[in-house]
Amino acid sequence: MEDNPSNGRPLRLLAAIIAGIFIGFFIFFGIALIIGVFNDILGSNIPINTEIAENIWSAVLLTIIVIITVVIFCWRVWTSPPSTPEFEIPETIDKF
């Protein structure tokens, strides 16, 4: 049996894309929350908030963050080999 490094790669890439989208949303909402706190404390008018449909800057920031996280996750999947499980031999087999 030959080692094929691309074995399972499409599923790993799909998982990386899905994880990148979810993590990107969480990072965006964290950044929007921090910017909102600074807006309230300092009284500034930074146009970033969680209202994506009403604010183009928020939508652009969300898109950029999601693309960056998807690229990072896909790069990690592409450069790391798939893990191979090591099977443990139960003690009962050694006794026979």
PDB file of N, CA and C in Angstrom:
ATOM      1  N   MET A   1       0.842  -1.165   0.000  1.00  0.00           N
ATOM      2  CA  MET A   1       0.000   0.000   0.000  1.00  0.00           C
ATOM      3  C   MET A   1       0.892   1.235   0.000  1.00  0.00           C
ATOM      4  N   GLU A   2       0.691   2.108  -0.945  1.00  0.00           N
ATOM      5  CA  GLU A   2       1.542   3.282  -1.052  1.00  0.00           C
ATOM      6  C   GLU A   2       0.926   4.465  -0.313  1.00  0.00           C
ATOM      7  N   ASP A   3       1.788   5.326   0.198  1.00  0.00           N
ATOM      8  CA  ASP A   3       1.307   6.515   0.900  1.00  0.00           C
ATOM      9  C   ASP A   3       0.885   7.560  -0.115  1.00  0.00           C
ATOM     10  N   ASN A   4      -0.328   8.008   0.004  1.00  0.00           N
ATOM     11  CA  ASN A   4      -0.839   9.052  -0.867  1.00  0.00           C
ATOM     12  C   ASN A   4      -1.157  10.259  -0.005  1.00  0.00           C
ATOM     13  N   PRO A   5      -0.354  11.349  -0.096  1.00  0.00           N
ATOM     14  CA  PRO A   5      -0.592  12.494   0.776  1.00  0.00           C
ATOM     15  C   PRO A   5      -1.895  13.213   0.483  1.00  0.00           C
ATOM     16  N   SER A   6      -2.479  12.999  -0.703  1.00  0.00           N
ATOM     17  CA  SER A   6      -3.731  13.685  -1.006  1.00  0.00           C
ATOM     18  C   SER A   6      -4.947  12.880  -0.561  1.00  0.00           C
ATOM     19  N   ASN A   7      -4.732  11.736   0.089  1.00  0.00           N
ATOM     20  CA  ASN A   7      -5.841  10.917   0.556  1.00  0.00           C
ATOM     21  C   ASN A   7      -6.605  11.673   1.644  1.00  0.00           C
ATOM     22  N   GLY A   8      -7.878  11.963   1.397  1.00  0.00           N
ATOM     23  CA  GLY A   8      -8.678  12.694   2.363  1.00  0.00           C
ATOM     24  C   GLY A   8      -8.521  14.191   2.297  1.00  0.00           C
ATOM     25  N   ARG A   9      -7.721  14.698   1.382  1.00  0.00           N
ATOM     26  CA  ARG A   9      -7.478  16.136   1.315  1.00  0.00           C
ATOM     27  C   ARG A   9      -8.735  16.942   0.976  1.00  0.00           C
ATOM     28  N   PRO A  10      -9.615  16.499   0.057  1.00  0.00           N
ATOM     29  CA  PRO A  10     -10.814  17.305  -0.214  1.00  0.00           C
ATOM     30  C   PRO A  10     -11.690  17.502   1.028  1.00  0.00           C
ATOM     31  N   LEU A  11     -11.835  16.470   1.842  1.00  0.00           N
ATOM     32  CA  LEU A  11     -12.632  16.622   3.060  1.00  0.00           C
ATOM     33  C   LEU A  11     -11.943  17.528   4.069  1.00  0.00           C
ATOM     34  N   ARG A  12     -10.633  17.426   4.142  1.00  0.00           N
ATOM     35  CA  ARG A  12      -9.896  18.292   5.050  1.00  0.00           C
ATOM     36  C   ARG A  12      -9.986  19.750   4.607  1.00  0.00           C
ATOM     37  N   LEU A  13      -9.928  19.987   3.287  1.00  0.00           N
ATOM     38  CA  LEU A  13     -10.054  21.352   2.782  1.00  0.00           C
ATOM     39  C   LEU A  13     -11.468  21.898   3.016  1.00  0.00           C
ATOM     40  N   LEU A  14     -12.470  21.066   2.821  1.00  0.00           N
ATOM     41  CA  LEU A  14     -13.844  21.492   3.089  1.00  0.00           C
ATOM     42  C   LEU A  14     -14.023  21.835   4.568  1.00  0.00           C
ATOM     43  N   ALA A  15     -13.458  21.020   5.431  1.00  0.00           N
ATOM     44  CA  ALA A  15     -13.525  21.306   6.869  1.00  0.00           C
ATOM     45  C   ALA A  15     -12.782  22.597   7.206  1.00  0.00           C
ATOM     46  N   ALA A  16     -11.660  22.845   6.529  1.00  0.00           N
ATOM     47  CA  ALA A  16     -10.911  24.079   6.765  1.00  0.00           C
ATOM     48  C   ALA A  16     -11.705  25.294   6.308  1.00  0.00           C
ATOM     49  N   ILE A  17     -12.414  25.182   5.195  1.00  0.00           N
ATOM     50  CA  ILE A  17     -13.227  26.298   4.707  1.00  0.00           C
ATOM     51  C   ILE A  17     -14.372  26.590   5.674  1.00  0.00           C
ATOM     52  N   ILE A  18     -15.040  25.548   6.124  1.00  0.00           N
ATOM     53  CA  ILE A  18     -16.150  25.737   7.066  1.00  0.00           C
ATOM     54  C   ILE A  18     -15.644  26.310   8.387  1.00  0.00           C
ATOM     55  N   ALA A  19     -14.538  25.788   8.887  1.00  0.00           N
ATOM     56  CA  ALA A  19     -13.974  26.309  10.136  1.00  0.00           C
ATOM     57  C   ALA A  19     -13.511  27.751   9.969  1.00  0.00           C
ATOM     58  N   GLY A  20     -12.920  28.076   8.815  1.00  0.00           N
ATOM     59  CA  GLY A  20     -12.490  29.449   8.566  1.00  0.00           C
ATOM     60  C   GLY A  20     -13.644  30.424   8.545  1.00  0.00           C
ATOM     61  N   ILE A  21     -14.779  30.001   7.978  1.00  0.00           N
ATOM     62  CA  ILE A  21     -15.958  30.871   7.945  1.00  0.00           C
ATOM     63  C   ILE A  21     -16.479  31.110   9.362  1.00  0.00           C
ATOM     64  N   PHE A  22     -16.606  30.037  10.149  1.00  0.00           N
ATOM     65  CA  PHE A  22     -17.105  30.199  11.518  1.00  0.00           C
ATOM     66  C   PHE A  22     -16.160  31.039  12.362  1.00  0.00           C
ATOM     67  N   ILE A  23     -14.874  30.747  12.308  1.00  0.00           N
ATOM     68  CA  ILE A  23     -13.910  31.500  13.106  1.00  0.00           C
ATOM     69  C   ILE A  23     -13.854  32.952  12.641  1.00  0.00           C
ATOM     70  N   GLY A  24     -13.967  33.173  11.332  1.00  0.00           N
ATOM     71  CA  GLY A  24     -13.979  34.542  10.808  1.00  0.00           C
ATOM     72  C   GLY A  24     -15.140  35.353  11.348  1.00  0.00           C
ATOM     73  N   PHE A  25     -16.330  34.730  11.426  1.00  0.00           N
ATOM     74  CA  PHE A  25     -17.486  35.425  11.994  1.00  0.00           C
ATOM     75  C   PHE A  25     -17.245  35.773  13.453  1.00  0.00           C
ATOM     76  N   PHE A  26     -16.699  34.831  14.222  1.00  0.00           N
ATOM     77  CA  PHE A  26     -16.446  35.105  15.634  1.00  0.00           C
ATOM     78  C   PHE A  26     -15.404  36.203  15.813  1.00  0.00           C
ATOM     79  N   ILE A  27     -14.364  36.186  14.997  1.00  0.00           N
ATOM     80  CA  ILE A  27     -13.346  37.240  15.083  1.00  0.00           C
ATOM     81  C   ILE A  27     -13.950  38.590  14.718  1.00  0.00           C
ATOM     82  N   PHE A  28     -14.774  38.613  13.656  1.00  0.00           N
ATOM     83  CA  PHE A  28     -15.420  39.877  13.273  1.00  0.00           C
ATOM     84  C   PHE A  28     -16.282  40.420  14.402  1.00  0.00           C
ATOM     85  N   PHE A  29     -17.100  39.565  14.999  1.00  0.00           N
ATOM     86  CA  PHE A  29     -17.970  40.049  16.072  1.00  0.00           C
ATOM     87  C   PHE A  29     -17.158  40.494  17.286  1.00  0.00           C
ATOM     88  N   GLY A  30     -16.037  39.849  17.554  1.00  0.00           N
ATOM     89  CA  GLY A  30     -15.160  40.299  18.633  1.00  0.00           C
ATOM     90  C   GLY A  30     -14.570  41.667  18.339  1.00  0.00           C
ATOM     91  N   ILE A  31     -14.103  41.869  17.104  1.00  0.00           N
ATOM     92  CA  ILE A  31     -13.545  43.166  16.722  1.00  0.00           C
ATOM     93  C   ILE A  31     -14.633  44.240  16.750  1.00  0.00           C
ATOM     94  N   ALA A  32     -15.826  43.910  16.231  1.00  0.00           N
ATOM     95  CA  ALA A  32     -16.921  44.884  16.248  1.00  0.00           C
ATOM     96  C   ALA A  32     -17.319  45.241  17.679  1.00  0.00           C
ATOM     97  N   LEU A  33     -17.272  44.260  18.569  1.00  0.00           N
ATOM     98  CA  LEU A  33     -17.586  44.527  19.978  1.00  0.00           C
ATOM     99  C   LEU A  33     -16.559  45.462  20.596  1.00  0.00           C
ATOM    100  N   ILE A  34     -15.284  45.206  20.332  1.00  0.00           N
ATOM    101  CA  ILE A  34     -14.217  46.058  20.880  1.00  0.00           C
ATOM    102  C   ILE A  34     -14.320  47.469  20.318  1.00  0.00           C
ATOM    103  N   ILE A  35     -14.570  47.596  19.014  1.00  0.00           N
ATOM    104  CA  ILE A  35     -14.718  48.924  18.412  1.00  0.00           C
ATOM    105  C   ILE A  35     -15.951  49.629  18.988  1.00  0.00           C
ATOM    106  N   GLY A  36     -17.035  48.877  19.219  1.00  0.00           N
ATOM    107  CA  GLY A  36     -18.225  49.473  19.828  1.00  0.00           C
ATOM    108  C   GLY A  36     -17.968  49.998  21.227  1.00  0.00           C
ATOM    109  N   VAL A  37     -17.159  49.275  21.999  1.00  0.00           N
ATOM    110  CA  VAL A  37     -16.813  49.735  23.350  1.00  0.00           C
ATOM    111  C   VAL A  37     -16.011  51.026  23.265  1.00  0.00           C
ATOM    112  N   PHE A  38     -15.036  51.081  22.340  1.00  0.00           N
ATOM    113  CA  PHE A  38     -14.253  52.314  22.174  1.00  0.00           C
ATOM    114  C   PHE A  38     -15.132  53.467  21.690  1.00  0.00           C
ATOM    115  N   ASN A  39     -16.096  53.174  20.819  1.00  0.00           N
ATOM    116  CA  ASN A  39     -17.007  54.224  20.366  1.00  0.00           C
ATOM    117  C   ASN A  39     -17.802  54.794  21.529  1.00  0.00           C
ATOM    118  N   ASP A  40     -18.276  53.940  22.408  1.00  0.00           N
ATOM    119  CA  ASP A  40     -19.069  54.418  23.549  1.00  0.00           C
ATOM    120  C   ASP A  40     -18.209  55.163  24.566  1.00  0.00           C
ATOM    121  N   ILE A  41     -17.024  54.635  24.843  1.00  0.00           N
ATOM    122  CA  ILE A  41     -16.168  55.254  25.863  1.00  0.00           C
ATOM    123  C   ILE A  41     -15.603  56.589  25.381  1.00  0.00           C
ATOM    124  N   LEU A  42     -15.049  56.596  24.169  1.00  0.00           N
ATOM    125  CA  LEU A  42     -14.370  57.789  23.674  1.00  0.00           C
ATOM    126  C   LEU A  42     -15.300  58.745  22.936  1.00  0.00           C
ATOM    127  N   GLY A  43     -16.488  58.308  22.609  1.00  0.00           N
ATOM    128  CA  GLY A  43     -17.407  59.164  21.886  1.00  0.00           C
ATOM    129  C   GLY A  43     -17.020  59.363  20.431  1.00  0.00           C
ATOM    130  N   SER A  44     -16.190  58.478  19.910  1.00  0.00           N
ATOM    131  CA  SER A  44     -15.777  58.598  18.507  1.00  0.00           C
ATOM    132  C   SER A  44     -16.859  58.024  17.600  1.00  0.00           C
ATOM    133  N   ASN A  45     -16.659  58.177  16.305  1.00  0.00           N
ATOM    134  CA  ASN A  45     -17.667  57.739  15.356  1.00  0.00           C
ATOM    135  C   ASN A  45     -17.039  56.783  14.345  1.00  0.00           C
ATOM    136  N   ILE A  46     -16.493  55.675  14.815  1.00  0.00           N
ATOM    137  CA  ILE A  46     -15.915  54.662  13.931  1.00  0.00           C
ATOM    138  C   ILE A  46     -17.078  53.877  13.335  1.00  0.00           C
ATOM    139  N   PRO A  47     -17.149  53.773  12.000  1.00  0.00           N
ATOM    140  CA  PRO A  47     -18.347  53.192  11.380  1.00  0.00           C
ATOM    141  C   PRO A  47     -18.364  51.669  11.304  1.00  0.00           C
ATOM    142  N   ILE A  48     -17.808  50.986  12.286  1.00  0.00           N
ATOM    143  CA  ILE A  48     -17.810  49.520  12.298  1.00  0.00           C
ATOM    144  C   ILE A  48     -18.738  49.055  13.417  1.00  0.00           C
ATOM    145  N   ASN A  49     -19.745  48.259  13.059  1.00  0.00           N
ATOM    146  CA  ASN A  49     -20.617  47.655  14.057  1.00  0.00           C
ATOM    147  C   ASN A  49     -21.134  46.334  13.502  1.00  0.00           C
ATOM    148  N   THR A  50     -22.001  45.688  14.252  1.00  0.00           N
ATOM    149  CA  THR A  50     -22.472  44.361  13.836  1.00  0.00           C
ATOM    150  C   THR A  50     -23.630  44.410  12.847  1.00  0.00           C
ATOM    151  N   GLU A  51     -24.072  45.579  12.446  1.00  0.00           N
ATOM    152  CA  GLU A  51     -25.150  45.711  11.470  1.00  0.00           C
ATOM    153  C   GLU A  51     -24.558  45.625  10.060  1.00  0.00           C
ATOM    154  N   ILE A  52     -24.365  44.405   9.597  1.00  0.00           N
ATOM    155  CA  ILE A  52     -23.677  44.165   8.329  1.00  0.00           C
ATOM    156  C   ILE A  52     -24.517  44.641   7.145  1.00  0.00           C
ATOM    157  N   ALA A  53     -25.828  44.441   7.211  1.00  0.00           N
ATOM    158  CA  ALA A  53     -26.690  44.778   6.083  1.00  0.00           C
ATOM    159  C   ALA A  53     -26.840  46.291   5.901  1.00  0.00           C
ATOM    160  N   GLU A  54     -26.630  47.060   6.935  1.00  0.00           N
ATOM    161  CA  GLU A  54     -26.818  48.506   6.853  1.00  0.00           C
ATOM    162  C   GLU A  54     -25.518  49.280   6.737  1.00  0.00           C
ATOM    163  N   ASN A  55     -24.400  48.636   6.934  1.00  0.00           N
ATOM    164  CA  ASN A  55     -23.130  49.354   6.977  1.00  0.00           C
ATOM    165  C   ASN A  55     -22.142  48.668   6.047  1.00  0.00           C
ATOM    166  N   ILE A  56     -21.721  49.360   5.010  1.00  0.00           N
ATOM    167  CA  ILE A  56     -20.814  48.768   4.029  1.00  0.00           C
ATOM    168  C   ILE A  56     -19.435  48.487   4.624  1.00  0.00           C
ATOM    169  N   TRP A  57     -18.972  49.321   5.554  1.00  0.00           N
ATOM    170  CA  TRP A  57     -17.654  49.104   6.157  1.00  0.00           C
ATOM    171  C   TRP A  57     -17.634  47.829   6.991  1.00  0.00           C
ATOM    172  N   SER A  58     -18.723  47.558   7.673  1.00  0.00           N
ATOM    173  CA  SER A  58     -18.815  46.318   8.445  1.00  0.00           C
ATOM    174  C   SER A  58     -18.828  45.107   7.519  1.00  0.00           C
ATOM    175  N   ALA A  59     -19.548  45.204   6.415  1.00  0.00           N
ATOM    176  CA  ALA A  59     -19.594  44.091   5.465  1.00  0.00           C
ATOM    177  C   ALA A  59     -18.226  43.852   4.831  1.00  0.00           C
ATOM    178  N   VAL A  60     -17.513  44.915   4.515  1.00  0.00           N
ATOM    179  CA  VAL A  60     -16.173  44.781   3.935  1.00  0.00           C
ATOM    180  C   VAL A  60     -15.223  44.158   4.956  1.00  0.00           C
ATOM    181  N   LEU A  61     -15.281  44.627   6.203  1.00  0.00           N
ATOM    182  CA  LEU A  61     -14.419  44.059   7.245  1.00  0.00           C
ATOM    183  C   LEU A  61     -14.730  42.587   7.473  1.00  0.00           C
ATOM    184  N   LEU A  62     -16.022  42.228   7.499  1.00  0.00           N
ATOM    185  CA  LEU A  62     -16.413  40.827   7.667  1.00  0.00           C
ATOM    186  C   LEU A  62     -15.874  39.983   6.518  1.00  0.00           C
ATOM    187  N   THR A  63     -16.009  40.450   5.301  1.00  0.00           N
ATOM    188  CA  THR A  63     -15.529  39.710   4.134  1.00  0.00           C
ATOM    189  C   THR A  63     -14.019  39.517   4.187  1.00  0.00           C
ATOM    190  N   ILE A  64     -13.299  40.555   4.524  1.00  0.00           N
ATOM    191  CA  ILE A  64     -11.831  40.464   4.596  1.00  0.00           C
ATOM    192  C   ILE A  64     -11.411  39.472   5.675  1.00  0.00           C
ATOM    193  N   ILE A  65     -12.031  39.535   6.843  1.00  0.00           N
ATOM    194  CA  ILE A  65     -11.656  38.638   7.941  1.00  0.00           C
ATOM    195  C   ILE A  65     -11.985  37.192   7.592  1.00  0.00           C
ATOM    196  N   VAL A  66     -13.143  36.939   6.986  1.00  0.00           N
ATOM    197  CA  VAL A  66     -13.512  35.572   6.622  1.00  0.00           C
ATOM    198  C   VAL A  66     -12.551  35.033   5.556  1.00  0.00           C
ATOM    199  N   ILE A  67     -12.202  35.836   4.569  1.00  0.00           N
ATOM    200  CA  ILE A  67     -11.261  35.385   3.530  1.00  0.00           C
ATOM    201  C   ILE A  67      -9.901  35.079   4.140  1.00  0.00           C
ATOM    202  N   ILE A  68      -9.431  35.922   5.033  1.00  0.00           N
ATOM    203  CA  ILE A  68      -8.125  35.693   5.666  1.00  0.00           C
ATOM    204  C   ILE A  68      -8.141  34.409   6.492  1.00  0.00           C
ATOM    205  N   THR A  69      -9.191  34.179   7.281  1.00  0.00           N
ATOM    206  CA  THR A  69      -9.219  32.967   8.101  1.00  0.00           C
ATOM    207  C   THR A  69      -9.364  31.709   7.249  1.00  0.00           C
ATOM    208  N   VAL A  70     -10.143  31.771   6.168  1.00  0.00           N
ATOM    209  CA  VAL A  70     -10.265  30.605   5.286  1.00  0.00           C
ATOM    210  C   VAL A  70      -8.924  30.303   4.634  1.00  0.00           C
ATOM    211  N   VAL A  71      -8.209  31.329   4.185  1.00  0.00           N
ATOM    212  CA  VAL A  71      -6.896  31.121   3.561  1.00  0.00           C
ATOM    213  C   VAL A  71      -5.905  30.533   4.567  1.00  0.00           C
ATOM    214  N   ILE A  72      -5.913  31.029   5.784  1.00  0.00           N
ATOM    215  CA  ILE A  72      -4.992  30.502   6.807  1.00  0.00           C
ATOM    216  C   ILE A  72      -5.307  29.039   7.112  1.00  0.00           C
ATOM    217  N   PHE A  73      -6.577  28.708   7.277  1.00  0.00           N
ATOM    218  CA  PHE A  73      -6.943  27.326   7.572  1.00  0.00           C
ATOM    219  C   PHE A  73      -6.599  26.411   6.398  1.00  0.00           C
ATOM    220  N   CYS A  74      -6.894  26.840   5.175  1.00  0.00           N
ATOM    221  CA  CYS A  74      -6.569  26.010   4.005  1.00  0.00           C
ATOM    222  C   CYS A  74      -5.061  25.840   3.849  1.00  0.00           C
ATOM    223  N   TRP A  75      -4.307  26.884   4.128  1.00  0.00           N
ATOM    224  CA  TRP A  75      -2.851  26.775   4.045  1.00  0.00           C
ATOM    225  C   TRP A  75      -2.322  25.771   5.064  1.00  0.00           C
ATOM    226  N   ARG A  76      -2.886  25.798   6.279  1.00  0.00           N
ATOM    227  CA  ARG A  76      -2.449  24.838   7.296  1.00  0.00           C
ATOM    228  C   ARG A  76      -2.781  23.407   6.883  1.00  0.00           C
ATOM    229  N   VAL A  77      -3.946  23.194   6.279  1.00  0.00           N
ATOM    230  CA  VAL A  77      -4.325  21.856   5.826  1.00  0.00           C
ATOM    231  C   VAL A  77      -3.422  21.429   4.679  1.00  0.00           C
ATOM    232  N   TRP A  78      -3.128  22.351   3.786  1.00  0.00           N
ATOM    233  CA  TRP A  78      -2.322  22.014   2.611  1.00  0.00           C
ATOM    234  C   TRP A  78      -0.882  21.674   2.986  1.00  0.00           C
ATOM    235  N   THR A  79      -0.338  22.346   4.004  1.00  0.00           N
ATOM    236  CA  THR A  79       1.067  22.139   4.356  1.00  0.00           C
ATOM    237  C   THR A  79       1.285  21.065   5.408  1.00  0.00           C
ATOM    238  N   SER A  80       0.248  20.635   6.094  1.00  0.00           N
ATOM    239  CA  SER A  80       0.440  19.604   7.119  1.00  0.00           C
ATOM    240  C   SER A  80      -0.057  18.258   6.596  1.00  0.00           C
ATOM    241  N   PRO A  81       0.671  17.204   6.882  1.00  0.00           N
ATOM    242  CA  PRO A  81       0.231  15.881   6.431  1.00  0.00           C
ATOM    243  C   PRO A  81      -0.944  15.390   7.267  1.00  0.00           C
ATOM    244  N   PRO A  82      -1.777  14.539   6.688  1.00  0.00           N
ATOM    245  CA  PRO A  82      -2.889  13.997   7.480  1.00  0.00           C
ATOM    246  C   PRO A  82      -2.362  13.090   8.584  1.00  0.00           C
ATOM    247  N   SER A  83      -3.030  13.098   9.684  1.00  0.00           N
ATOM    248  CA  SER A  83      -2.592  12.263  10.796  1.00  0.00           C
ATOM    249  C   SER A  83      -3.008  10.819  10.543  1.00  0.00           C
ATOM    250  N   THR A  84      -2.150   9.934  10.956  1.00  0.00           N
ATOM    251  CA  THR A  84      -2.457   8.507  10.834  1.00  0.00           C
ATOM    252  C   THR A  84      -2.590   7.944  12.241  1.00  0.00           C
ATOM    253  N   PRO A  85      -3.695   7.326  12.533  1.00  0.00           N
ATOM    254  CA  PRO A  85      -3.878   6.802  13.890  1.00  0.00           C
ATOM    255  C   PRO A  85      -2.959   5.607  14.141  1.00  0.00           C
ATOM    256  N   GLU A  86      -2.385   5.594  15.306  1.00  0.00           N
ATOM    257  CA  GLU A  86      -1.555   4.458  15.706  1.00  0.00           C
ATOM    258  C   GLU A  86      -2.422   3.522  16.530  1.00  0.00           C
ATOM    259  N   PHE A  87      -2.452   2.288  16.135  1.00  0.00           N
ATOM    260  CA  PHE A  87      -3.286   1.321  16.813  1.00  0.00           C
ATOM    261  C   PHE A  87      -2.528   0.720  17.980  1.00  0.00           C
ATOM    262  N   GLU A  88      -3.202   0.657  19.109  1.00  0.00           N
ATOM    263  CA  GLU A  88      -2.600   0.050  20.293  1.00  0.00           C
ATOM    264  C   GLU A  88      -2.968  -1.423  20.326  1.00  0.00           C
ATOM    265  N   ILE A  89      -2.027  -2.228  20.708  1.00  0.00           N
ATOM    266  CA  ILE A  89      -2.278  -3.661  20.831  1.00  0.00           C
ATOM    267  C   ILE A  89      -2.794  -3.912  22.243  1.00  0.00           C
ATOM    268  N   PRO A  90      -3.990  -4.454  22.357  1.00  0.00           N
ATOM    269  CA  PRO A  90      -4.510  -4.728  23.696  1.00  0.00           C
ATOM    270  C   PRO A  90      -3.647  -5.756  24.429  1.00  0.00           C
ATOM    271  N   GLU A  91      -3.657  -5.693  25.730  1.00  0.00           N
ATOM    272  CA  GLU A  91      -2.828  -6.590  26.539  1.00  0.00           C
ATOM    273  C   GLU A  91      -3.279  -8.043  26.416  1.00  0.00           C
ATOM    274  N   THR A  92      -4.537  -8.264  26.100  1.00  0.00           N
ATOM    275  CA  THR A  92      -5.025  -9.643  26.032  1.00  0.00           C
ATOM    276  C   THR A  92      -4.402 -10.407  24.874  1.00  0.00           C
ATOM    277  N   ILE A  93      -4.031  -9.724  23.814  1.00  0.00           N
ATOM    278  CA  ILE A  93      -3.418 -10.413  22.674  1.00  0.00           C
ATOM    279  C   ILE A  93      -2.029 -10.909  23.029  1.00  0.00           C
ATOM    280  N   ASP A  94      -1.292 -10.120  23.841  1.00  0.00           N
ATOM    281  CA  ASP A  94       0.048 -10.520  24.221  1.00  0.00           C
ATOM    282  C   ASP A  94       0.054 -11.770  25.126  1.00  0.00           C
ATOM    283  N   LYS A  95      -1.019 -12.038  25.814  1.00  0.00           N
ATOM    284  CA  LYS A  95      -1.054 -13.160  26.736  1.00  0.00           C
ATOM    285  C   LYS A  95      -1.234 -14.494  26.021  1.00  0.00           C
ATOM    286  N   PHE A  96      -1.706 -14.466  24.784  1.00  0.00           N
ATOM    287  CA  PHE A  96      -1.926 -15.737  24.080  1.00  0.00           C
ATOM    288  C   PHE A  96      -0.704 -16.227  23.420  1.00  0.00           C
TER     289      PHE A  96
END
